[in-house]
């Protein structure tokens, strides 16, 4: 198996420290607001990595943090704590806010078929471990205190600081200096070097923070953002790990600082042997922003009639190291592809006859198997692996062989194909039809044709009720429209309201 390693800027053969055992740490969510599409893509692609490793025969200990303190609104160690700010926004306390959005994060992950990590750990449950790391760094002479601000890491004392950015440390330092001096407005008074970062922060006068802990430097203080990942990785995975994942925006600051502080504490290099970074997701060509009205969650996807697994499929259509542009049209195309795949799988299942077939007896099947896993195990090329899946759907191989191949492919893809039911597919088709994602011809091809009726084919009494309901909806008499819908349902007809004001009718008994 091969992975692109940000540290070496090259694709490398994957070799864990221990044979067939992988220690993987993933940067988790900061739980101050709803999980959005950009987050979803990152964790779906993390999931592909974990699934691929396990399919390849590795045991994976997957540790993922929950940031519920210390992540400031600026990466420059200034600004308000995102959890404290979010608590004010939603009119609650920081802990309740964190639990609310932690739950929403896992709700979103479950809908997308993302496997739960081996261990999910909260920053607030590891305060002592973080404090001990800072004390160790202090004893080694690597810190200094800025009065009224916090304890800072002195990056000038680390010879290879910035090596994740570029192994040419001179170039790495130029990148860091340009970013931290050129792009930022907020500055920390008293910081010795532009690249120095906070390990432990102090409450400011009048700040009245909800989340504070006593420390040797200040009675009311809290950990910096970077120290939490190091502390939790050390506690749960040991001094050196195999893989660390995160977003590409974490390379220059968060992960660079993680490496510096962790290796300074342990004296062992490298902290992580492989660094895997996911690229950005854009929405309609722009960064996601609530001010641009393009900040979408999994519930927004569902409310528009899409299946969460179709969104997962869309994410897999682009390589994790490539930027991806989300549009509702692209999701509609993915929805159609997912429905076709689901229909294909159910038809194969219905025609299954022989469970004793050996794939090795079918050269065409073995080639598809090789091509799929050659793509997925070569730096997680999900886009190329999906091409093999589409080829499989055009194959004339035995249906039992095709079904077995798809089931094995889906162990990695995670599209939930093994658990598909006819009822679930038809419900997804109905929702897609109601939201005009598909038309009636497509719905019929997916198996809904026996249920769709034309108004002229219905009994006069039913036609009259439908017309009355249309008038009630037009006049915004929604209670009356709901009553008529219920009456129609009692008579054996269900109305699907389409987005253009039209209706589809199906007989339910």
Protein backbone atom coordinates (compact mmCIF):
# COMPACT_ATOMS: atom_id res chain seq x y z
CA UNK A 1 0.00 0.00 0.00
CA UNK A 2 1.23 3.49 -0.87
CA UNK A 3 0.45 6.91 0.62
CA UNK A 4 1.49 10.45 -0.19
CA UNK A 5 3.48 11.72 2.78
CA UNK A 6 3.35 15.49 3.27
CA UNK A 7 6.61 15.28 5.21
CA UNK A 8 8.57 13.92 2.23
CA UNK A 9 6.38 15.43 -0.50
CA UNK A 10 6.30 12.04 -2.20
CA UNK A 11 4.29 8.84 -2.47
CA UNK A 12 5.84 6.21 -0.22
CA UNK A 13 5.35 2.53 0.43
CA UNK A 14 3.44 2.31 3.70
CA UNK A 15 5.30 0.49 6.45
CA UNK A 16 4.04 0.77 10.05
CA UNK A 17 6.36 0.51 13.05
CA UNK A 18 4.74 -2.74 14.14
CA UNK A 19 3.87 -5.46 11.65
CA UNK A 20 0.18 -5.32 10.70
CA UNK A 21 -0.65 -2.79 13.47
CA UNK A 22 -1.31 0.86 12.64
CA UNK A 23 -1.42 3.74 15.10
CA UNK A 24 -3.48 6.49 13.45
CA UNK A 25 -4.36 9.89 14.91
CA UNK A 26 -6.96 12.09 13.21
CA UNK A 27 -7.58 15.74 14.01
CA UNK A 28 -11.22 15.81 15.06
CA UNK A 29 -13.86 18.55 15.12
CA UNK A 30 -13.97 21.73 17.15
CA UNK A 31 -17.50 21.36 18.47
CA UNK A 32 -18.70 24.96 18.60
CA UNK A 33 -21.17 24.86 15.69
CA UNK A 34 -22.79 22.54 13.16
CA UNK A 35 -20.60 20.14 11.19
CA UNK A 36 -20.60 21.40 7.57
CA UNK A 37 -19.83 19.88 4.17
CA UNK A 38 -16.12 20.67 4.35
CA UNK A 39 -15.83 18.74 7.59
CA UNK A 40 -17.90 15.89 6.18
CA UNK A 41 -15.56 15.41 3.22
CA UNK A 42 -12.50 15.26 5.45
CA UNK A 43 -13.93 12.56 7.70
CA UNK A 44 -15.34 10.51 4.83
CA UNK A 45 -11.87 10.42 3.30
CA UNK A 46 -10.30 9.55 6.68
CA UNK A 47 -12.79 6.70 6.75
CA UNK A 48 -11.60 5.48 3.35
CA UNK A 49 -8.04 5.36 4.72
CA UNK A 50 -9.09 3.34 7.78
CA UNK A 51 -11.25 0.96 5.73
CA UNK A 52 -8.48 0.45 3.17
CA UNK A 53 -5.91 -0.34 5.85
CA UNK A 54 -8.23 -2.84 7.49
CA UNK A 55 -9.08 -4.48 4.18
CA UNK A 56 -5.34 -4.81 3.52
CA UNK A 57 -5.05 -6.82 6.73
CA UNK A 58 -3.91 -4.18 9.22
CA UNK A 59 -5.31 -3.76 12.70
CA UNK A 60 -5.93 -0.03 13.07
CA UNK A 61 -6.12 1.86 16.34
CA UNK A 62 -7.84 5.04 15.20
CA UNK A 63 -7.78 7.85 17.77
CA UNK A 64 -9.71 11.04 17.05
CA UNK A 65 -9.91 14.06 19.30
CA UNK A 66 -12.80 16.34 20.13
CA UNK A 67 -11.66 19.95 20.57
CA UNK A 68 -13.91 21.39 23.26
CA UNK A 69 -11.59 24.09 24.65
CA UNK A 70 -8.68 26.27 23.61
CA UNK A 71 -9.29 26.77 19.87
CA UNK A 72 -9.18 30.55 19.46
CA UNK A 73 -10.82 32.47 16.62
CA UNK A 74 -7.34 33.37 15.33
CA UNK A 75 -4.52 30.89 14.75
CA UNK A 76 -2.22 33.66 15.99
CA UNK A 77 -3.03 32.83 19.65
CA UNK A 78 -5.39 35.77 20.04
CA UNK A 79 -9.12 36.20 19.91
CA UNK A 80 -12.00 34.53 21.69
CA UNK A 81 -12.25 30.81 22.38
CA UNK A 82 -14.58 29.36 19.74
CA UNK A 83 -16.48 27.37 22.37
CA UNK A 84 -17.01 30.41 24.58
CA UNK A 85 -18.11 32.48 21.58
CA UNK A 86 -20.45 29.72 20.40
CA UNK A 87 -22.00 29.44 23.86
CA UNK A 88 -22.92 33.12 23.74
CA UNK A 89 -24.31 32.77 20.23
CA UNK A 90 -26.59 29.87 21.15
CA UNK A 91 -27.47 31.10 24.64
CA UNK A 92 -26.03 28.17 26.55
CA UNK A 93 -22.89 27.22 28.47
CA UNK A 94 -19.73 26.00 26.79
CA UNK A 95 -19.96 22.42 28.02
CA UNK A 96 -23.58 22.00 26.92
CA UNK A 97 -22.71 23.52 23.55
CA UNK A 98 -19.80 21.11 23.11
CA UNK A 99 -21.93 18.06 23.88
CA UNK A 100 -24.69 19.30 21.54
CA UNK A 101 -22.39 19.71 18.57
CA UNK A 102 -20.34 16.62 19.40
CA UNK A 103 -23.60 14.68 19.14
CA UNK A 104 -24.40 16.42 15.85
CA UNK A 105 -20.97 15.53 14.51
CA UNK A 106 -21.46 11.82 15.18
CA UNK A 107 -25.05 11.98 13.90
CA UNK A 108 -23.63 13.32 10.62
CA UNK A 109 -20.88 10.69 10.54
CA UNK A 110 -23.34 7.85 11.10
CA UNK A 111 -25.56 9.02 8.24
CA UNK A 112 -22.55 9.06 5.94
CA UNK A 113 -21.44 5.57 6.95
CA UNK A 114 -18.24 6.80 8.61
CA UNK A 115 -16.99 4.18 11.06
CA UNK A 116 -16.61 5.35 14.64
CA UNK A 117 -12.97 5.78 15.74
CA UNK A 118 -11.43 3.22 18.05
CA UNK A 119 -11.28 6.02 20.61
CA UNK A 120 -12.83 9.47 20.61
CA UNK A 121 -11.19 11.68 23.24
CA UNK A 122 -12.09 15.15 24.50
CA UNK A 123 -9.55 17.84 25.20
CA UNK A 124 -11.29 18.70 28.48
CA UNK A 125 -10.76 15.13 29.70
CA UNK A 126 -6.99 15.46 29.18
CA UNK A 127 -6.16 18.74 30.93
CA UNK A 128 -3.61 17.16 33.28
CA UNK A 129 -1.80 15.44 30.41
CA UNK A 130 -1.57 18.74 28.55
CA UNK A 131 -0.34 20.56 31.64
CA UNK A 132 2.37 17.95 32.23
CA UNK A 133 3.60 18.36 28.66
CA UNK A 134 3.96 22.11 29.13
CA UNK A 135 5.80 21.58 32.42
CA UNK A 136 8.20 19.17 30.68
CA UNK A 137 8.88 21.71 27.94
CA UNK A 138 9.46 24.37 30.60
CA UNK A 139 12.00 22.15 32.41
CA UNK A 140 13.84 21.70 29.11
CA UNK A 141 14.14 25.47 28.73
CA UNK A 142 11.93 25.66 25.65
CA UNK A 143 9.27 28.05 26.96
CA UNK A 144 8.83 31.58 28.21
CA UNK A 145 5.95 33.44 29.85
CA UNK A 146 4.34 36.57 28.46
CA UNK A 147 2.84 38.36 31.42
CA UNK A 148 -0.96 38.49 31.24
CA UNK A 149 -1.03 36.31 28.13
CA UNK A 150 0.38 32.81 28.48
CA UNK A 151 3.21 30.30 28.22
CA UNK A 152 4.86 30.24 24.78
CA UNK A 153 7.05 27.75 22.94
CA UNK A 154 10.35 29.22 21.74
CA UNK A 155 10.67 27.91 18.19
CA UNK A 156 14.17 29.37 17.77
CA UNK A 157 15.45 26.54 19.98
CA UNK A 158 14.23 23.84 17.57
CA UNK A 159 16.66 23.40 14.69
CA UNK A 160 14.24 21.59 12.38
CA UNK A 161 11.14 23.65 13.11
CA UNK A 162 9.00 23.80 9.96
CA UNK A 163 10.29 20.57 8.40
CA UNK A 164 6.74 19.44 7.60
CA UNK A 165 6.38 22.42 5.27
CA UNK A 166 9.66 21.83 3.48
CA UNK A 167 12.71 19.72 4.23
CA UNK A 168 14.74 22.71 3.09
CA UNK A 169 14.39 24.51 6.43
CA UNK A 170 15.43 27.85 4.95
CA UNK A 171 12.52 27.71 2.52
CA UNK A 172 10.19 26.45 5.25
CA UNK A 173 11.11 29.41 7.44
CA UNK A 174 10.48 31.82 4.57
CA UNK A 175 6.99 30.35 4.09
CA UNK A 176 6.23 30.63 7.79
CA UNK A 177 7.53 34.18 8.09
CA UNK A 178 5.60 35.33 5.03
CA UNK A 179 2.40 33.80 6.34
CA UNK A 180 2.68 34.95 9.92
CA UNK A 181 3.98 38.43 9.26
CA UNK A 182 2.21 39.21 5.99
CA UNK A 183 -1.29 37.78 6.32
CA UNK A 184 -2.16 38.39 9.92
CA UNK A 185 -3.50 41.47 11.62
CA UNK A 186 -3.50 40.31 15.23
CA UNK A 187 -0.11 40.23 16.93
CA UNK A 188 1.01 39.04 20.35
CA UNK A 189 2.97 41.67 22.26
CA UNK A 190 6.05 40.14 23.86
CA UNK A 191 6.42 37.21 21.50
CA UNK A 192 10.11 36.63 20.79
CA UNK A 193 9.74 35.10 17.33
CA UNK A 194 6.84 35.35 14.85
CA UNK A 195 6.58 31.55 14.78
CA UNK A 196 6.38 31.09 18.57
CA UNK A 197 3.05 29.71 19.73
CA UNK A 198 0.97 29.46 22.89
CA UNK A 199 1.11 26.29 24.96
CA UNK A 200 -1.02 27.59 27.80
CA UNK A 201 -3.16 30.73 27.90
CA UNK A 202 -4.23 33.00 30.77
CA UNK A 203 -7.66 34.50 31.29
CA UNK A 204 -7.58 38.21 30.55
CA UNK A 205 -8.90 40.74 33.09
CA UNK A 206 -12.68 40.98 32.80
CA UNK A 207 -12.90 38.03 30.39
CA UNK A 208 -14.84 35.82 32.83
CA UNK A 209 -14.28 32.58 30.92
CA UNK A 210 -16.42 29.53 31.63
CA UNK A 211 -13.61 27.01 31.04
CA UNK A 212 -10.54 27.67 33.20
CA UNK A 213 -8.10 25.59 35.23
CA UNK A 214 -5.48 26.43 37.82
CA UNK A 215 -1.86 26.16 36.68
CA UNK A 216 1.57 27.07 38.11
CA UNK A 217 1.54 30.26 36.05
CA UNK A 218 -2.01 31.52 36.54
CA UNK A 219 -5.00 30.67 38.70
CA UNK A 220 -7.45 30.93 35.81
CA UNK A 221 -5.94 29.52 32.62
CA UNK A 222 -6.51 27.01 29.84
CA UNK A 223 -4.54 24.94 27.30
CA UNK A 224 -3.57 26.16 23.86
CA UNK A 225 -5.06 24.45 20.84
CA UNK A 226 -1.92 22.70 19.58
CA UNK A 227 -0.96 20.97 22.83
CA UNK A 228 -4.16 18.94 23.06
CA UNK A 229 -3.47 16.76 20.02
CA UNK A 230 0.07 16.02 21.16
CA UNK A 231 -1.08 15.09 24.66
CA UNK A 232 -3.86 12.78 23.49
CA UNK A 233 -1.73 11.11 20.83
CA UNK A 234 0.99 10.45 23.40
CA UNK A 235 -1.43 9.10 25.98
CA UNK A 236 -3.38 6.80 23.68
CA UNK A 237 -0.91 5.87 20.92
CA UNK A 238 2.55 6.35 22.39
CA UNK A 239 5.55 8.52 21.60
CA UNK A 240 5.63 7.71 17.88
CA UNK A 241 2.67 7.05 15.63
CA UNK A 242 2.28 5.77 12.09
CA UNK A 243 -0.21 8.16 10.47
CA UNK A 244 -1.54 11.60 11.34
CA UNK A 245 -4.37 13.04 9.24
CA UNK A 246 -5.87 16.50 8.94
CA UNK A 247 -6.85 19.28 6.59
CA UNK A 248 -4.26 20.89 4.34
CA UNK A 249 -4.79 24.17 6.20
CA UNK A 250 -3.23 22.56 9.31
CA UNK A 251 0.18 21.95 7.74
CA UNK A 252 1.84 25.32 8.31
CA UNK A 253 0.70 25.99 11.85
CA UNK A 254 -1.16 23.32 13.82
CA UNK A 255 0.74 20.25 12.64
CA UNK A 256 4.07 22.04 12.44
CA UNK A 257 3.61 23.04 16.08
CA UNK A 258 2.47 19.56 17.07
CA UNK A 259 5.67 18.08 15.69
CA UNK A 260 7.87 20.64 17.44
CA UNK A 261 6.35 20.25 20.90
CA UNK A 262 5.91 16.47 20.77
CA UNK A 263 9.42 15.68 19.58
CA UNK A 264 10.80 18.16 22.11
CA UNK A 265 9.01 16.32 24.93
CA UNK A 266 9.86 12.76 23.85
CA UNK A 267 13.23 13.28 22.19
CA UNK A 268 12.10 10.84 19.50
CA UNK A 269 11.77 11.55 15.78
CA UNK A 270 9.60 11.41 13.82
CA UNK A 271 6.48 11.98 15.90
CA UNK A 272 4.44 10.63 12.97
CA UNK A 273 5.95 8.61 10.13
CA UNK A 274 3.27 9.64 7.61
CA UNK A 275 1.26 12.83 7.34
CA UNK A 276 -1.91 12.62 5.24
CA UNK A 277 -3.67 15.89 4.39
CA UNK A 278 -7.00 16.47 2.68
CA UNK A 279 -7.53 19.38 0.33
CA UNK A 280 -10.28 22.01 0.47
CA UNK A 281 -13.93 21.71 -0.47
CA UNK A 282 -15.46 24.75 -2.14
CA UNK A 283 -19.16 25.45 -2.64
CA UNK A 284 -20.12 26.86 -6.03
CA UNK A 285 -16.49 27.93 -6.43
CA UNK A 286 -16.33 29.82 -3.13
CA UNK A 287 -15.23 29.14 0.41
CA UNK A 288 -18.07 28.19 2.72
CA UNK A 289 -19.45 31.09 4.71
CA UNK A 290 -22.72 31.82 6.45
CA UNK A 291 -22.55 35.34 5.05
CA UNK A 292 -22.53 33.87 1.53
CA UNK A 293 -25.43 31.59 2.43
CA UNK A 294 -23.47 28.53 1.30
CA UNK A 295 -22.85 26.91 4.69
CA UNK A 296 -24.54 23.50 4.40
CA UNK A 297 -24.97 20.60 6.81
CA UNK A 298 -26.07 16.99 6.37
CA UNK A 299 -29.61 18.07 7.27
CA UNK A 300 -29.60 20.57 4.42
CA UNK A 301 -28.63 17.72 2.10
CA UNK A 302 -31.45 15.51 3.40
CA UNK A 303 -34.01 18.32 3.32
CA UNK A 304 -33.31 18.79 -0.39
CA UNK A 305 -34.16 15.14 -1.03
CA UNK A 306 -30.66 13.70 -1.28
CA UNK A 307 -29.33 10.52 0.29
CA UNK A 308 -26.33 10.98 2.62
CA UNK A 309 -24.66 8.06 0.84
CA UNK A 310 -24.98 9.96 -2.44
CA UNK A 311 -23.04 12.79 -0.81
CA UNK A 312 -20.42 10.27 0.26
CA UNK A 313 -20.27 8.99 -3.32
CA UNK A 314 -19.76 12.55 -4.56
CA UNK A 315 -16.82 13.02 -2.20
CA UNK A 316 -15.25 9.81 -3.49
CA UNK A 317 -15.40 11.08 -7.07
CA UNK A 318 -12.48 13.40 -6.32
CA UNK A 319 -9.06 12.43 -4.96
CA UNK A 320 -8.46 13.49 -1.37
CA UNK A 321 -5.42 15.62 -2.31
CA UNK A 322 -7.39 17.53 -4.96
CA UNK A 323 -9.64 20.49 -4.34
CA UNK A 324 -13.30 19.66 -4.87
CA UNK A 325 -16.08 22.03 -5.86
CA UNK A 326 -19.49 21.16 -4.48
CA UNK A 327 -22.61 22.15 -6.42
CA UNK A 328 -26.17 20.96 -6.05
CA UNK A 329 -26.06 19.86 -9.68
CA UNK A 330 -23.03 17.66 -8.98
CA UNK A 331 -24.84 16.15 -6.00
CA UNK A 332 -27.89 15.50 -8.20
CA UNK A 333 -25.66 13.59 -10.62
CA UNK A 334 -24.20 11.62 -7.70
CA UNK A 335 -27.71 10.89 -6.43
CA UNK A 336 -28.68 9.41 -9.80
CA UNK A 337 -25.49 7.36 -9.88
CA UNK A 338 -26.15 6.10 -6.36
CA UNK A 339 -29.74 5.13 -7.17
CA UNK A 340 -28.58 3.27 -10.29
CA UNK A 341 -25.95 1.45 -8.25
CA UNK A 342 -28.49 0.56 -5.57
CA UNK A 343 -30.92 -0.76 -8.19
CA UNK A 344 -28.12 -2.80 -9.77
CA UNK A 345 -27.10 -4.32 -6.41
CA UNK A 346 -30.66 -5.26 -5.47
CA UNK A 347 -31.23 -6.86 -8.86
CA UNK A 348 -28.02 -8.87 -8.45
CA UNK A 349 -29.08 -9.95 -4.98
CA UNK A 350 -32.48 -11.05 -6.24
CA UNK A 351 -30.84 -13.22 -8.90
CA UNK A 352 -28.22 -14.84 -6.66
CA UNK A 353 -27.97 -18.60 -7.03
CA UNK A 354 -24.52 -19.95 -6.21
CA UNK A 355 -22.56 -18.89 -3.14
CA UNK A 356 -19.77 -21.41 -3.80
CA UNK A 357 -18.24 -19.67 -6.82
CA UNK A 358 -14.53 -18.83 -6.63
CA UNK A 359 -13.47 -15.48 -8.09
CA UNK A 360 -10.23 -17.09 -9.22
CA UNK A 361 -12.27 -19.13 -11.72
CA UNK A 362 -13.23 -15.91 -13.54
CA UNK A 363 -10.28 -14.02 -15.09
CA UNK A 364 -12.48 -11.00 -15.82
CA UNK A 365 -13.49 -10.80 -12.18
CA UNK A 366 -9.90 -11.09 -11.00
CA UNK A 367 -8.91 -8.23 -13.31
CA UNK A 368 -11.65 -6.00 -11.91
CA UNK A 369 -10.61 -6.95 -8.39
CA UNK A 370 -6.97 -6.14 -9.14
CA UNK A 371 -7.77 -2.83 -10.85
CA UNK A 372 -10.01 -1.65 -8.00
CA UNK A 373 -7.60 -2.38 -5.17
CA UNK A 374 -4.59 -1.28 -7.21
CA UNK A 375 -6.25 2.15 -7.40
CA UNK A 376 -7.44 2.33 -3.80
CA UNK A 377 -4.15 1.09 -2.33
CA UNK A 378 -2.16 3.57 -4.42
CA UNK A 379 -2.70 6.72 -2.36
CA UNK A 380 -6.44 6.16 -2.00
CA UNK A 381 -7.39 6.93 -5.61
CA UNK A 382 -11.13 6.67 -5.01
CA UNK A 383 -11.92 8.36 -8.32
CA UNK A 384 -10.07 5.63 -10.23
CA UNK A 385 -11.60 2.90 -8.06
CA UNK A 386 -15.08 4.20 -8.91
CA UNK A 387 -14.23 3.94 -12.61
CA UNK A 388 -13.68 0.22 -12.04
CA UNK A 389 -17.03 0.00 -10.25
CA UNK A 390 -18.81 1.59 -13.24
CA UNK A 391 -17.01 -0.87 -15.54
CA UNK A 392 -18.23 -3.72 -13.36
CA UNK A 393 -21.83 -2.56 -13.83
CA UNK A 394 -21.39 -2.96 -17.60
CA UNK A 395 -19.80 -6.40 -17.30
CA UNK A 396 -21.42 -9.60 -18.55
CA UNK A 397 -19.90 -11.67 -15.73
CA UNK A 398 -22.07 -14.05 -13.71
CA UNK A 399 -24.40 -12.11 -11.38
CA UNK A 400 -23.14 -13.97 -8.31
CA UNK A 401 -19.57 -13.02 -9.16
CA UNK A 402 -20.52 -9.37 -9.69
CA UNK A 403 -22.38 -9.29 -6.39
CA UNK A 404 -19.41 -10.69 -4.48
CA UNK A 405 -17.09 -8.16 -6.11
CA UNK A 406 -19.34 -5.23 -5.25
CA UNK A 407 -19.72 -6.37 -1.65
CA UNK A 408 -15.95 -6.53 -1.27
CA UNK A 409 -15.45 -3.16 -2.97
CA UNK A 410 -17.98 -1.64 -0.61
CA UNK A 411 -16.02 -2.76 2.43
CA UNK A 412 -13.75 0.12 1.42
CA UNK A 413 -16.19 2.51 -0.27
CA UNK A 414 -18.66 2.41 2.63
CA UNK A 415 -21.77 3.09 0.54
CA UNK A 416 -23.91 0.77 2.66
CA UNK A 417 -24.73 -1.57 -0.21
CA UNK A 418 -24.89 -4.73 1.91
CA UNK A 419 -27.72 -3.27 3.98
CA UNK A 420 -29.80 -2.03 1.06
CA UNK A 421 -33.48 -2.96 0.94
CA UNK A 422 -36.08 -2.52 -1.78
CA UNK A 423 -38.14 -0.35 0.56
CA UNK A 424 -35.21 1.96 1.31
CA UNK A 425 -34.40 2.37 -2.37
CA UNK A 426 -37.99 3.17 -3.31
CA UNK A 427 -38.21 5.71 -0.49
CA UNK A 428 -35.04 7.40 -1.77
CA UNK A 429 -36.54 7.40 -5.28
CA UNK A 430 -39.77 8.98 -4.00
CA UNK A 431 -37.85 11.74 -2.22
CA UNK A 432 -35.73 12.37 -5.30
CA UNK A 433 -38.86 12.57 -7.43
CA UNK A 434 -40.60 14.91 -5.01
CA UNK A 435 -37.61 17.29 -5.10
CA UNK A 436 -37.28 17.10 -8.91
CA UNK A 437 -33.83 15.52 -8.68
CA UNK A 438 -35.12 12.83 -11.03
CA UNK A 439 -38.09 12.64 -13.36
CA UNK A 440 -40.83 10.02 -13.51
CA UNK A 441 -39.09 8.08 -16.29
CA UNK A 442 -36.01 7.69 -14.10
CA UNK A 443 -38.17 6.75 -11.12
CA UNK A 444 -39.84 4.05 -13.16
CA UNK A 445 -36.48 2.62 -14.17
CA UNK A 446 -35.59 2.45 -10.49
CA UNK A 447 -38.64 0.28 -9.81
CA UNK A 448 -41.32 2.80 -8.90
CA UNK A 449 -43.31 2.48 -12.13
CA UNK A 450 -45.99 0.23 -10.72
CA UNK A 451 -46.97 2.85 -8.16
CA UNK A 452 -47.11 6.06 -10.22
CA UNK A 453 -50.49 7.05 -11.56
CA UNK A 454 -51.80 9.77 -13.84
CA UNK A 455 -54.59 12.01 -12.56
CA UNK A 456 -56.86 11.05 -15.46
CA UNK A 457 -56.57 7.37 -14.52
CA UNK A 458 -57.98 7.91 -11.02
CA UNK A 459 -61.60 7.56 -9.90
CA UNK A 460 -63.58 10.81 -10.10
CA UNK A 461 -63.93 11.05 -6.32
CA UNK A 462 -60.15 10.83 -5.88
CA UNK A 463 -59.54 13.38 -8.64
CA UNK A 464 -61.91 15.78 -6.88
CA UNK A 465 -60.09 15.41 -3.55
CA UNK A 466 -56.74 16.03 -5.23
CA UNK A 467 -58.03 19.18 -6.95
CA UNK A 468 -59.44 20.47 -3.65
CA UNK A 469 -56.08 19.89 -2.01
CA UNK A 470 -54.28 21.76 -4.80
CA UNK A 471 -56.58 24.74 -4.25
CA UNK A 472 -56.01 24.61 -0.49
CA UNK A 473 -52.25 24.65 -1.00
CA UNK A 474 -52.52 27.51 -3.49
CA UNK A 475 -54.53 29.52 -0.95
CA UNK A 476 -52.07 28.58 1.83
CA UNK A 477 -54.75 26.71 3.76
CA UNK A 478 -52.22 24.17 4.91
CA UNK A 479 -54.31 22.59 7.65
CA UNK A 480 -57.04 21.82 5.10
CA UNK A 481 -54.42 20.52 2.64
CA UNK A 482 -53.06 18.20 5.34
CA UNK A 483 -56.57 16.97 6.15
CA UNK A 484 -57.21 16.17 2.49
CA UNK A 485 -53.84 14.40 2.20
CA UNK A 486 -54.81 12.22 5.18
CA UNK A 487 -58.21 11.49 3.64
CA UNK A 488 -56.56 10.47 0.36
CA UNK A 489 -54.15 8.22 2.25
CA UNK A 490 -57.06 6.54 4.02
CA UNK A 491 -58.52 5.84 0.58
CA UNK A 492 -55.24 4.26 -0.56
CA UNK A 493 -53.49 7.09 -2.41
CA UNK A 494 -50.33 8.98 -1.44
CA UNK A 495 -49.51 12.41 -2.85
CA UNK A 496 -45.90 13.43 -3.51
CA UNK A 497 -45.55 17.21 -3.74
CA UNK A 498 -42.94 18.12 -6.34
CA UNK A 499 -40.84 21.27 -6.18
CA UNK A 500 -42.50 22.92 -9.18
CA UNK A 501 -45.94 22.70 -7.57
CA UNK A 502 -46.88 19.55 -9.47
CA UNK A 503 -47.81 16.27 -7.83
CA UNK A 504 -47.07 12.58 -8.25
CA UNK A 505 -49.61 10.03 -7.09
CA UNK A 506 -49.03 6.48 -6.01
CA UNK A 507 -51.42 3.78 -4.86
CA UNK A 508 -50.46 2.37 -1.46
CA UNK A 509 -53.16 -0.25 -0.98
